C-alpha atoms as a PDB file:
ATOM      1  CA  MET A   1     105.346  87.848  99.773  1.00  0.00           C
ATOM      2  CA  ALA A   2     108.290  85.481 100.465  1.00  0.00           C
ATOM      3  CA  ASP A   3     111.155  86.815 102.384  1.00  0.00           C
ATOM      4  CA  ILE A   4     113.530  88.798 100.098  1.00  0.00           C
ATOM      5  CA  ASN A   5     117.008  90.215 100.317  1.00  0.00           C
ATOM      6  CA  GLU A   6     118.816  93.010  98.585  1.00  0.00           C
ATOM      7  CA  HIS A   7     120.420  90.509  96.017  1.00  0.00           C
ATOM      8  CA  THR A   8     116.994  89.194  94.665  1.00  0.00           C
ATOM      9  CA  ALA A   9     114.750  92.183  95.320  1.00  0.00           C
ATOM     10  CA  LYS A  10     113.059  93.995  92.598  1.00  0.00           C
ATOM     11  CA  PRO A  11     111.790  97.556  93.292  1.00  0.00           C
ATOM     12  CA  ALA A  12     108.194  98.292  92.702  1.00  0.00           C
ATOM     13  CA  TYR A  13     109.036 102.070  92.133  1.00  0.00           C
ATOM     14  CA  ARG A  14     111.515 104.020  90.168  1.00  0.00           C
ATOM     15  CA  ARG A  15     112.077 106.842  92.668  1.00  0.00           C
ATOM     16  CA  VAL A  16     110.842 107.260  96.263  1.00  0.00           C
ATOM     17  CA  LEU A  17     111.045 109.732  99.146  1.00  0.00           C
ATOM     18  CA  LEU A  18     111.494 108.237 102.514  1.00  0.00           C
ATOM     19  CA  LYS A  19     110.567 110.339 105.621  1.00  0.00           C
ATOM     20  CA  LEU A  20     112.492 109.342 108.754  1.00  0.00           C
ATOM     21  CA  SER A  21     111.844 110.994 112.107  1.00  0.00           C
ATOM     22  CA  GLY A  22     114.574 112.163 114.307  1.00  0.00           C
ATOM     23  CA  GLU A  23     113.398 109.499 116.839  1.00  0.00           C
ATOM     24  CA  ASP A  24     114.460 106.894 114.319  1.00  0.00           C
ATOM     25  CA  LEU A  25     118.038 107.853 115.021  1.00  0.00           C
ATOM     26  CA  GLN A  26     117.499 108.198 118.703  1.00  0.00           C
ATOM     27  CA  GLY A  27     117.214 104.545 119.382  1.00  0.00           C
ATOM     28  CA  GLU A  28     116.841 103.707 123.143  1.00  0.00           C
ATOM     29  CA  ARG A  29     118.359 107.187 124.144  1.00  0.00           C
ATOM     30  CA  THR A  30     116.131 109.869 125.566  1.00  0.00           C
ATOM     31  CA  SER A  31     117.422 112.339 123.106  1.00  0.00           C
ATOM     32  CA  GLY A  32     120.220 112.852 120.542  1.00  0.00           C
ATOM     33  CA  ILE A  33     121.567 110.118 118.183  1.00  0.00           C
ATOM     34  CA  SER A  34     122.241 106.467 119.044  1.00  0.00           C
ATOM     35  CA  GLY A  35     125.120 105.042 117.106  1.00  0.00           C
ATOM     36  CA  VAL A  36     123.456 101.694 117.128  1.00  0.00           C
ATOM     37  CA  ALA A  37     120.217 103.128 115.595  1.00  0.00           C
ATOM     38  CA  LEU A  38     122.198 105.197 113.118  1.00  0.00           C
ATOM     39  CA  THR A  39     124.099 102.393 111.778  1.00  0.00           C
ATOM     40  CA  ARG A  40     121.199 100.040 111.602  1.00  0.00           C
ATOM     41  CA  THR A  41     119.158 102.636 109.553  1.00  0.00           C
ATOM     42  CA  ALA A  42     122.187 103.095 107.228  1.00  0.00           C
ATOM     43  CA  HIS A  43     122.468  99.425 106.435  1.00  0.00           C
ATOM     44  CA  ARG A  44     118.672  99.100 105.879  1.00  0.00           C
ATOM     45  CA  LEU A  45     119.016 102.011 103.418  1.00  0.00           C
ATOM     46  CA  LYS A  46     121.916 100.330 101.762  1.00  0.00           C
ATOM     47  CA  GLU A  47     119.770  97.205 101.141  1.00  0.00           C
ATOM     48  CA  VAL A  48     117.162  99.515  99.528  1.00  0.00           C
ATOM     49  CA  LEU A  49     119.631 101.171  97.277  1.00  0.00           C
ATOM     50  CA  ALA A  50     121.043  97.828  96.251  1.00  0.00           C
ATOM     51  CA  THR A  51     117.641  97.110  94.503  1.00  0.00           C
ATOM     52  CA  GLY A  52     118.346 100.010  92.020  1.00  0.00           C
ATOM     53  CA  VAL A  53     115.519 102.315  93.312  1.00  0.00           C
ATOM     54  CA  GLN A  54     116.443 106.023  93.412  1.00  0.00           C
ATOM     55  CA  VAL A  55     115.995 107.100  97.087  1.00  0.00           C
ATOM     56  CA  ALA A  56     115.778 110.573  98.573  1.00  0.00           C
ATOM     57  CA  ILE A  57     115.422 111.065 102.366  1.00  0.00           C
ATOM     58  CA  VAL A  58     113.919 113.698 104.559  1.00  0.00           C
ATOM     59  CA  VAL A  59     115.017 113.339 108.330  1.00  0.00           C
ATOM     60  CA  GLY A  60     113.213 115.120 111.060  1.00  0.00           C
ATOM     61  CA  GLY A  61     114.817 116.721 114.142  1.00  0.00           C
ATOM     62  CA  GLY A  62     112.489 115.708 116.957  1.00  0.00           C
ATOM     63  CA  ASN A  63     115.331 114.039 118.810  1.00  0.00           C
ATOM     64  CA  PHE A  64     116.782 117.524 119.426  1.00  0.00           C
ATOM     65  CA  VAL A  65     113.983 120.019 119.451  1.00  0.00           C
ATOM     66  CA  ARG A  66     110.485 120.277 118.173  1.00  0.00           C
ATOM     67  CA  GLY A  67     108.443 123.469 117.318  1.00  0.00           C
ATOM     68  CA  ARG A  68     105.912 122.404 119.942  1.00  0.00           C
ATOM     69  CA  ASP A  69     108.759 122.815 122.610  1.00  0.00           C
ATOM     70  CA  ARG A  70     108.760 126.595 122.186  1.00  0.00           C
ATOM     71  CA  ALA A  71     106.571 127.111 125.157  1.00  0.00           C
ATOM     72  CA  GLU A  72     108.839 125.266 127.433  1.00  0.00           C
ATOM     73  CA  LEU A  73     111.827 126.954 125.956  1.00  0.00           C
ATOM     74  CA  GLY A  74     110.442 130.321 126.019  1.00  0.00           C
ATOM     75  CA  VAL A  75     111.356 131.156 122.465  1.00  0.00           C
ATOM     76  CA  GLU A  76     109.157 132.489 119.581  1.00  0.00           C
ATOM     77  CA  ALA A  77     107.557 130.124 117.170  1.00  0.00           C
ATOM     78  CA  VAL A  78     109.869 131.021 114.217  1.00  0.00           C
ATOM     79  CA  THR A  79     112.902 130.679 116.294  1.00  0.00           C
ATOM     80  CA  ALA A  80     111.874 127.415 117.466  1.00  0.00           C
ATOM     81  CA  ASP A  81     111.262 126.153 113.984  1.00  0.00           C
ATOM     82  CA  TYR A  82     114.730 127.372 112.828  1.00  0.00           C
ATOM     83  CA  MET A  83     116.208 125.508 115.819  1.00  0.00           C
ATOM     84  CA  GLY A  84     114.393 122.390 114.613  1.00  0.00           C
ATOM     85  CA  MET A  85     115.836 122.957 111.083  1.00  0.00           C
ATOM     86  CA  LEU A  86     119.227 122.884 112.570  1.00  0.00           C
ATOM     87  CA  GLY A  87     118.303 119.709 114.318  1.00  0.00           C
ATOM     88  CA  THR A  88     117.394 118.028 111.143  1.00  0.00           C
ATOM     89  CA  SER A  89     120.777 119.093 109.680  1.00  0.00           C
ATOM     90  CA  ILE A  90     122.625 117.372 112.494  1.00  0.00           C
ATOM     91  CA  ASN A  91     120.616 114.244 111.814  1.00  0.00           C
ATOM     92  CA  ALA A  92     121.285 114.491 108.062  1.00  0.00           C
ATOM     93  CA  LEU A  93     125.063 114.844 108.576  1.00  0.00           C
ATOM     94  CA  ALA A  94     125.155 111.875 110.936  1.00  0.00           C
ATOM     95  CA  LEU A  95     123.043 109.775 108.442  1.00  0.00           C
ATOM     96  CA  GLN A  96     125.141 110.720 105.592  1.00  0.00           C
ATOM     97  CA  ASP A  97     128.296 109.684 107.335  1.00  0.00           C
ATOM     98  CA  ALA A  98     126.862 106.332 108.446  1.00  0.00           C
ATOM     99  CA  MET A  99     125.601 105.702 104.896  1.00  0.00           C
ATOM    100  CA  GLU A 100     128.879 106.501 103.367  1.00  0.00           C
ATOM    101  CA  LYS A 101     130.635 104.068 105.851  1.00  0.00           C
ATOM    102  CA  ALA A 102     128.178 101.507 104.887  1.00  0.00           C
ATOM    103  CA  GLY A 103     129.219 101.919 101.256  1.00  0.00           C
ATOM    104  CA  CYS A 104     126.544 104.190  99.851  1.00  0.00           C
ATOM    105  CA  VAL A 105     127.166 107.133  97.698  1.00  0.00           C
ATOM    106  CA  THR A 106     125.205 110.189  99.075  1.00  0.00           C
ATOM    107  CA  ARG A 107     124.636 113.864  98.651  1.00  0.00           C
ATOM    108  CA  LEU A 108     123.318 116.280 101.266  1.00  0.00           C
ATOM    109  CA  MET A 109     121.212 119.068 100.241  1.00  0.00           C
ATOM    110  CA  THR A 110     119.913 121.857 102.447  1.00  0.00           C
ATOM    111  CA  GLY A 111     116.878 124.135 102.520  1.00  0.00           C
ATOM    112  CA  PHE A 112     118.897 127.172 103.084  1.00  0.00           C
ATOM    113  CA  ARG A 113     122.544 128.072 102.518  1.00  0.00           C
ATOM    114  CA  MET A 114     124.975 125.968 104.584  1.00  0.00           C
ATOM    115  CA  PRO A 115     127.679 125.528 101.929  1.00  0.00           C
ATOM    116  CA  GLU A 116     130.148 124.000 104.374  1.00  0.00           C
ATOM    117  CA  ILE A 117     128.043 121.015 104.961  1.00  0.00           C
ATOM    118  CA  GLY A 118     125.975 120.600 101.753  1.00  0.00           C
ATOM    119  CA  GLU A 119     124.662 121.825  98.525  1.00  0.00           C
ATOM    120  CA  GLN A 120     121.599 124.201  98.633  1.00  0.00           C
ATOM    121  CA  PHE A 121     118.623 122.428  97.179  1.00  0.00           C
ATOM    122  CA  ILE A 122     118.285 122.793  93.291  1.00  0.00           C
ATOM    123  CA  ARG A 123     115.686 120.693  91.806  1.00  0.00           C
ATOM    124  CA  ARG A 124     117.478 119.720  88.555  1.00  0.00           C
ATOM    125  CA  ARG A 125     120.754 119.011  90.501  1.00  0.00           C
ATOM    126  CA  ALA A 126     118.817 116.728  93.065  1.00  0.00           C
ATOM    127  CA  ILE A 127     117.298 114.733  90.199  1.00  0.00           C
ATOM    128  CA  ARG A 128     120.606 114.301  88.520  1.00  0.00           C
ATOM    129  CA  HIS A 129     122.177 112.986  91.769  1.00  0.00           C
ATOM    130  CA  LEU A 130     119.246 110.397  92.041  1.00  0.00           C
ATOM    131  CA  GLU A 131     119.712 109.367  88.354  1.00  0.00           C
ATOM    132  CA  LYS A 132     123.303 108.627  89.013  1.00  0.00           C
ATOM    133  CA  GLY A 133     122.307 106.308  91.805  1.00  0.00           C
ATOM    134  CA  ARG A 134     123.209 108.688  94.738  1.00  0.00           C
ATOM    135  CA  ALA A 135     121.048 108.794  97.734  1.00  0.00           C
ATOM    136  CA  VAL A 136     120.024 112.363  98.373  1.00  0.00           C
ATOM    137  CA  ILE A 137     119.451 113.507 101.931  1.00  0.00           C
ATOM    138  CA  PHE A 138     117.423 116.679 102.439  1.00  0.00           C
ATOM    139  CA  ALA A 139     118.203 118.713 105.542  1.00  0.00           C
ATOM    140  CA  ALA A 140     116.528 121.815 107.063  1.00  0.00           C
ATOM    141  CA  GLY A 141     113.041 121.087 105.680  1.00  0.00           C
ATOM    142  CA  PHE A 142     112.639 123.343 102.731  1.00  0.00           C
ATOM    143  CA  GLY A 143     114.058 126.416 104.488  1.00  0.00           C
ATOM    144  CA  LYS A 144     110.956 128.098 105.844  1.00  0.00           C
ATOM    145  CA  PRO A 145     109.605 128.251 109.445  1.00  0.00           C
ATOM    146  CA  MET A 146     105.993 127.261 110.245  1.00  0.00           C
ATOM    147  CA  PHE A 147     106.075 124.007 108.275  1.00  0.00           C
ATOM    148  CA  THR A 148     106.714 120.487 109.617  1.00  0.00           C
ATOM    149  CA  THR A 149     109.264 118.028 108.160  1.00  0.00           C
ATOM    150  CA  ASP A 150     106.248 115.984 107.003  1.00  0.00           C
ATOM    151  CA  THR A 151     105.166 118.864 104.835  1.00  0.00           C
ATOM    152  CA  ALA A 152     108.753 119.409 103.573  1.00  0.00           C
ATOM    153  CA  ALA A 153     108.923 115.650 102.828  1.00  0.00           C
ATOM    154  CA  ALA A 154     105.717 115.921 100.745  1.00  0.00           C
ATOM    155  CA  HIS A 155     106.936 118.995  98.992  1.00  0.00           C
ATOM    156  CA  ARG A 156     110.340 117.556  98.077  1.00  0.00           C
ATOM    157  CA  ALA A 157     108.678 114.342  96.945  1.00  0.00           C
ATOM    158  CA  VAL A 158     106.566 116.177  94.458  1.00  0.00           C
ATOM    159  CA  GLU A 159     109.559 118.415  93.328  1.00  0.00           C
ATOM    160  CA  ILE A 160     111.804 115.517  92.491  1.00  0.00           C
ATOM    161  CA  ASP A 161     109.019 113.602  90.762  1.00  0.00           C
ATOM    162  CA  ALA A 162     108.950 110.751  93.381  1.00  0.00           C
ATOM    163  CA  GLU A 163     106.198 108.078  92.771  1.00  0.00           C
ATOM    164  CA  VAL A 164     105.483 107.589  96.498  1.00  0.00           C
ATOM    165  CA  LEU A 165     106.064 109.166  99.923  1.00  0.00           C
ATOM    166  CA  ILE A 166     107.144 106.443 102.416  1.00  0.00           C
ATOM    167  CA  LYS A 167     106.904 107.323 106.074  1.00  0.00           C
ATOM    168  CA  ALA A 168     108.781 105.297 108.621  1.00  0.00           C
ATOM    169  CA  THR A 169     107.227 105.010 112.045  1.00  0.00           C
ATOM    170  CA  HIS A 170     107.283 102.863 115.148  1.00  0.00           C
ATOM    171  CA  VAL A 171     103.802 101.342 114.594  1.00  0.00           C
ATOM    172  CA  ASP A 172     102.624  98.910 111.864  1.00  0.00           C
ATOM    173  CA  GLY A 173     100.686 101.710 110.008  1.00  0.00           C
ATOM    174  CA  VAL A 174      97.504 103.723 110.421  1.00  0.00           C
ATOM    175  CA  TYR A 175      94.946 102.777 113.194  1.00  0.00           C
ATOM    176  CA  SER A 176      91.544 104.084 113.956  1.00  0.00           C
ATOM    177  CA  ALA A 177      92.715 105.389 117.253  1.00  0.00           C
ATOM    178  CA  ASP A 178      95.987 105.257 119.225  1.00  0.00           C
ATOM    179  CA  PRO A 179      96.649 101.373 119.692  1.00  0.00           C
ATOM    180  CA  ALA A 180      98.754 102.008 122.836  1.00  0.00           C
ATOM    181  CA  ARG A 181      95.604 103.624 124.528  1.00  0.00           C
ATOM    182  CA  ASP A 182      92.758 101.967 122.903  1.00  0.00           C
ATOM    183  CA  PRO A 183      92.906  98.106 122.716  1.00  0.00           C
ATOM    184  CA  GLY A 184      89.932  98.218 120.243  1.00  0.00           C
ATOM    185  CA  ALA A 185      91.813 100.297 117.765  1.00  0.00           C
ATOM    186  CA  ARG A 186      91.474  98.829 114.232  1.00  0.00           C
ATOM    187  CA  PHE A 187      94.444  98.546 111.828  1.00  0.00           C
ATOM    188  CA  LEU A 188      93.593 100.374 108.457  1.00  0.00           C
ATOM    189  CA  PRO A 189      95.626  98.814 105.575  1.00  0.00           C
ATOM    190  CA  SER A 190      94.199 101.328 103.094  1.00  0.00           C
ATOM    191  CA  LEU A 191      92.280 104.571 103.272  1.00  0.00           C
ATOM    192  CA  THR A 192      91.886 107.912 101.391  1.00  0.00           C
ATOM    193  CA  TYR A 193      93.173 111.358 102.175  1.00  0.00           C
ATOM    194  CA  THR A 194      89.663 112.330 102.902  1.00  0.00           C
ATOM    195  CA  GLU A 195      89.213 109.675 105.480  1.00  0.00           C
ATOM    196  CA  VAL A 196      92.460 110.744 107.120  1.00  0.00           C
ATOM    197  CA  VAL A 197      91.252 114.294 107.282  1.00  0.00           C
ATOM    198  CA  GLU A 198      87.744 113.657 108.384  1.00  0.00           C
ATOM    199  CA  GLN A 199      88.671 110.972 111.111  1.00  0.00           C
ATOM    200  CA  ARG A 200      91.624 113.152 112.211  1.00  0.00           C
ATOM    201  CA  LEU A 201      93.934 110.197 112.012  1.00  0.00           C
ATOM    202  CA  LYS A 202      97.576 110.734 113.110  1.00  0.00           C
ATOM    203  CA  VAL A 203      99.223 110.015 109.802  1.00  0.00           C
ATOM    204  CA  MET A 204     101.134 113.291 108.958  1.00  0.00           C
ATOM    205  CA  ASP A 205     100.084 116.838 109.655  1.00  0.00           C
ATOM    206  CA  LEU A 206      96.992 118.187 107.855  1.00  0.00           C
ATOM    207  CA  THR A 207      98.994 120.458 105.456  1.00  0.00           C
ATOM    208  CA  ALA A 208     101.136 117.475 104.322  1.00  0.00           C
ATOM    209  CA  ILE A 209      98.059 115.315 103.899  1.00  0.00           C
ATOM    210  CA  THR A 210      96.107 117.896 101.731  1.00  0.00           C
ATOM    211  CA  PHE A 211      99.215 118.729  99.727  1.00  0.00           C
ATOM    212  CA  CYS A 212      99.549 115.024  98.841  1.00  0.00           C
ATOM    213  CA  GLN A 213      95.959 114.804  97.937  1.00  0.00           C
ATOM    214  CA  ASP A 214      96.155 117.919  95.609  1.00  0.00           C
ATOM    215  CA  GLN A 215      99.224 116.457  93.864  1.00  0.00           C
ATOM    216  CA  GLY A 216      97.953 112.857  93.711  1.00  0.00           C
ATOM    217  CA  LEU A 217     101.001 111.599  95.710  1.00  0.00           C
ATOM    218  CA  PRO A 218     100.323 108.148  97.426  1.00  0.00           C
ATOM    219  CA  ILE A 219     101.617 107.722 101.044  1.00  0.00           C
ATOM    220  CA  ILE A 220     102.858 104.512 102.681  1.00  0.00           C
ATOM    221  CA  ILE A 221     103.191 104.307 106.449  1.00  0.00           C
ATOM    222  CA  PHE A 222     105.054 101.436 107.872  1.00  0.00           C
ATOM    223  CA  ASN A 223     106.925 100.144 110.928  1.00  0.00           C
ATOM    224  CA  HIS A 224     110.622 100.850 110.374  1.00  0.00           C
ATOM    225  CA  THR A 225     111.544  98.928 113.521  1.00  0.00           C
ATOM    226  CA  VAL A 226     110.871  95.527 112.038  1.00  0.00           C
ATOM    227  CA  GLU A 227     113.829  94.205 110.170  1.00  0.00           C
ATOM    228  CA  GLY A 228     113.168  93.869 106.534  1.00  0.00           C
ATOM    229  CA  ASN A 229     110.070  95.999 106.400  1.00  0.00           C
ATOM    230  CA  MET A 230     111.701  98.781 104.514  1.00  0.00           C
ATOM    231  CA  LEU A 231     112.939  96.492 101.788  1.00  0.00           C
ATOM    232  CA  LYS A 232     109.603  94.854 101.443  1.00  0.00           C
ATOM    233  CA  VAL A 233     107.664  98.239 101.128  1.00  0.00           C
ATOM    234  CA  ILE A 234     110.019  99.251  98.352  1.00  0.00           C
ATOM    235  CA  CYS A 235     109.470  96.015  96.669  1.00  0.00           C
ATOM    236  CA  GLY A 236     105.595  96.559  96.737  1.00  0.00           C
ATOM    237  CA  ASP A 237     104.648  94.064  99.493  1.00  0.00           C
ATOM    238  CA  LYS A 238     101.090  95.266 100.298  1.00  0.00           C
ATOM    239  CA  SER A 239     100.858  93.351 103.543  1.00  0.00           C
ATOM    240  CA  ILE A 240     103.240  95.814 105.171  1.00  0.00           C
ATOM    241  CA  GLY A 241     101.862  99.211 106.448  1.00  0.00           C
ATOM    242  CA  SER A 242      99.056 101.373 105.373  1.00  0.00           C
ATOM    243  CA  THR A 243      98.587 103.076 102.007  1.00  0.00           C
ATOM    244  CA  VAL A 244      96.888 106.397 101.704  1.00  0.00           C
ATOM    245  CA  THR A 245      95.582 107.377  98.156  1.00  0.00           C
ATOM    246  CA  CYS A 246      92.738 109.049  96.410  1.00  0.00           C
END
C-alpha cells in the first residue's frame, strides 16, 4: 500500500479497540510517563480519528506496577492487581489530556467508581460516545483483580461491538520465538488462535486469546514505534503486523 496520511486515508473498520501498553507511554524512561512519548502517541491517535473510524483505547499500567511485581513488593496478588489498575488510570488520564491538547474529543471510562476522573463504564453510553466521534479511553481494566489488561481489552472490544482488537507493541508482530534471543525466529504474518495456544506464542495472555477465539474477534499485533504504522493498520494494510483469526 502506498504511503497514506490522515487527509486521504479511508478506514477498513467502523469501530476498533486499540490496546496500548504502559511502556508505550514510558518512552526512554525506566518507569513513569515520558512527555515526548505521550505527545507522539496522542498525535498518532489524532491521525487515526481523522479517518472517521470509531476508536476505543485500553491502556496498561506496566510503566508503574505489574501484577508479577507482587513478590518483590511483598503484597498479595489481589492488592498488586488493584495497584496495577490505579496505574492504568494514571496513564489514561495522561493520555486523555494529551489527546485533548492535540484536538481530539475524548471520554474516560473506568472499571470501578472514580467519579472525579471519569464515568463508570456503561456499555450503551460508551457506544454512544463512539458514535458521536469521541475517543473512549478505558481505565482500570474491567474493575476486577486477577485479569490482565489484555483480557480487559478483549472483553471491552466485544462489549462495544468492535470489529477488531489491535495491539500496539515494540516488535513487528508475532514471531515463532523471541527475535531478540533467537536469530532464527520466523515472522508470522497470519496465524490462528489455536496455533498461538499450541505454540505458546507471546501474543497476549491465554485468557485473552481464548476469549477472542470464543467470540470470533480478530487480533492485529503491530509495531507501534514505526511512524505511520497505526494509520496503515486502521486502513487495512495487510503488510503491517500479524493477524490472528480462526
